[in-house]
């Protein structure tokens, strides 16, 4: 898992190894900083980032990152 900050958001990037024939599945959770509670709160939990397994852990994390950034840029996340 990796955590990255993008403005008021945190991306939690996950990659899970798949059984034979192998590959990696990618997921992203998105948290947004809440000024009232002065902490991050989850606005999207373990969103599946791709329907096609990645060949490597790094590719899966990159896919999760791309998906998370696209969701933030689209602006359709719950407040």
Protein backbone atom coordinates (compact mmCIF):
# COMPACT_ATOMS: atom_id res chain seq x y z
CA UNK A 1 0.00 0.00 0.00
CA UNK A 2 1.11 3.55 -0.72
CA UNK A 3 -0.37 6.84 0.49
CA UNK A 4 -0.15 10.02 -1.57
CA UNK A 5 -1.57 13.48 -0.90
CA UNK A 6 -3.27 15.43 -3.70
CA UNK A 7 -4.52 18.80 -2.45
CA UNK A 8 -7.07 18.12 0.31
CA UNK A 9 -7.23 14.42 -0.64
CA UNK A 10 -5.23 11.35 0.27
CA UNK A 11 -5.00 8.43 -2.13
CA UNK A 12 -4.51 5.02 -0.53
CA UNK A 13 -3.18 2.81 -3.32
CA UNK A 14 -3.46 -0.98 -2.97
CA UNK A 15 -2.22 -3.91 -5.07
CA UNK A 16 -3.25 -7.48 -4.31
CA UNK A 17 -1.45 -10.44 -5.82
CA UNK A 18 -3.74 -12.85 -7.66
CA UNK A 19 -3.44 -16.65 -7.62
CA UNK A 20 -2.38 -18.56 -10.76
CA UNK A 21 -2.09 -17.52 -13.51
CA UNK A 22 -0.99 -14.50 -11.47
CA UNK A 23 -0.95 -10.77 -11.86
CA UNK A 24 -1.94 -7.93 -9.57
CA UNK A 25 -5.34 -6.38 -8.87
CA UNK A 26 -5.45 -2.64 -8.11
CA UNK A 27 -7.67 -0.62 -5.78
CA UNK A 28 -7.82 2.96 -4.54
CA UNK A 29 -9.42 4.51 -1.46
CA UNK A 30 -9.83 8.29 -1.31
CA UNK A 31 -9.92 10.33 1.88
CA UNK A 32 -10.65 14.06 2.09
CA UNK A 33 -9.44 16.41 4.79
CA UNK A 34 -12.31 17.62 6.97
CA UNK A 35 -11.66 21.02 8.55
CA UNK A 36 -14.25 20.46 11.28
CA UNK A 37 -12.68 17.30 12.67
CA UNK A 38 -9.14 18.25 11.55
CA UNK A 39 -8.55 14.80 10.07
CA UNK A 40 -9.11 12.83 6.89
CA UNK A 41 -12.36 10.97 6.34
CA UNK A 42 -13.04 8.31 3.73
CA UNK A 43 -15.14 9.41 0.74
CA UNK A 44 -14.48 6.33 -1.45
CA UNK A 45 -13.43 2.98 -0.06
CA UNK A 46 -11.47 0.33 -1.99
CA UNK A 47 -12.61 1.26 -5.47
CA UNK A 48 -11.53 -1.33 -8.05
CA UNK A 49 -9.12 0.56 -10.31
CA UNK A 50 -9.01 -1.78 -13.30
CA UNK A 51 -10.78 -4.80 -14.74
CA UNK A 52 -7.54 -6.14 -16.22
CA UNK A 53 -4.88 -7.48 -13.83
CA UNK A 54 -1.50 -5.76 -13.99
CA UNK A 55 1.67 -7.75 -14.66
CA UNK A 56 3.60 -6.21 -11.75
CA UNK A 57 2.98 -4.58 -8.38
CA UNK A 58 4.30 -1.25 -9.70
CA UNK A 59 1.91 -1.30 -12.67
CA UNK A 60 -1.03 -2.03 -10.35
CA UNK A 61 -0.08 0.88 -8.06
CA UNK A 62 0.26 3.18 -11.08
CA UNK A 63 -3.19 2.15 -12.31
CA UNK A 64 -4.67 2.84 -8.87
CA UNK A 65 -2.95 6.26 -8.89
CA UNK A 66 -4.31 7.11 -12.37
CA UNK A 67 -7.82 6.06 -11.36
CA UNK A 68 -7.71 8.02 -8.09
CA UNK A 69 -6.46 11.18 -9.79
CA UNK A 70 -9.11 10.85 -12.51
CA UNK A 71 -11.86 10.52 -9.90
CA UNK A 72 -10.61 13.62 -8.07
CA UNK A 73 -10.35 15.63 -11.31
CA UNK A 74 -13.87 14.55 -12.33
CA UNK A 75 -15.17 16.05 -9.09
CA UNK A 76 -17.92 13.46 -8.47
CA UNK A 77 -16.74 12.41 -5.01
CA UNK A 78 -19.10 12.78 -2.05
CA UNK A 79 -18.43 15.80 0.16
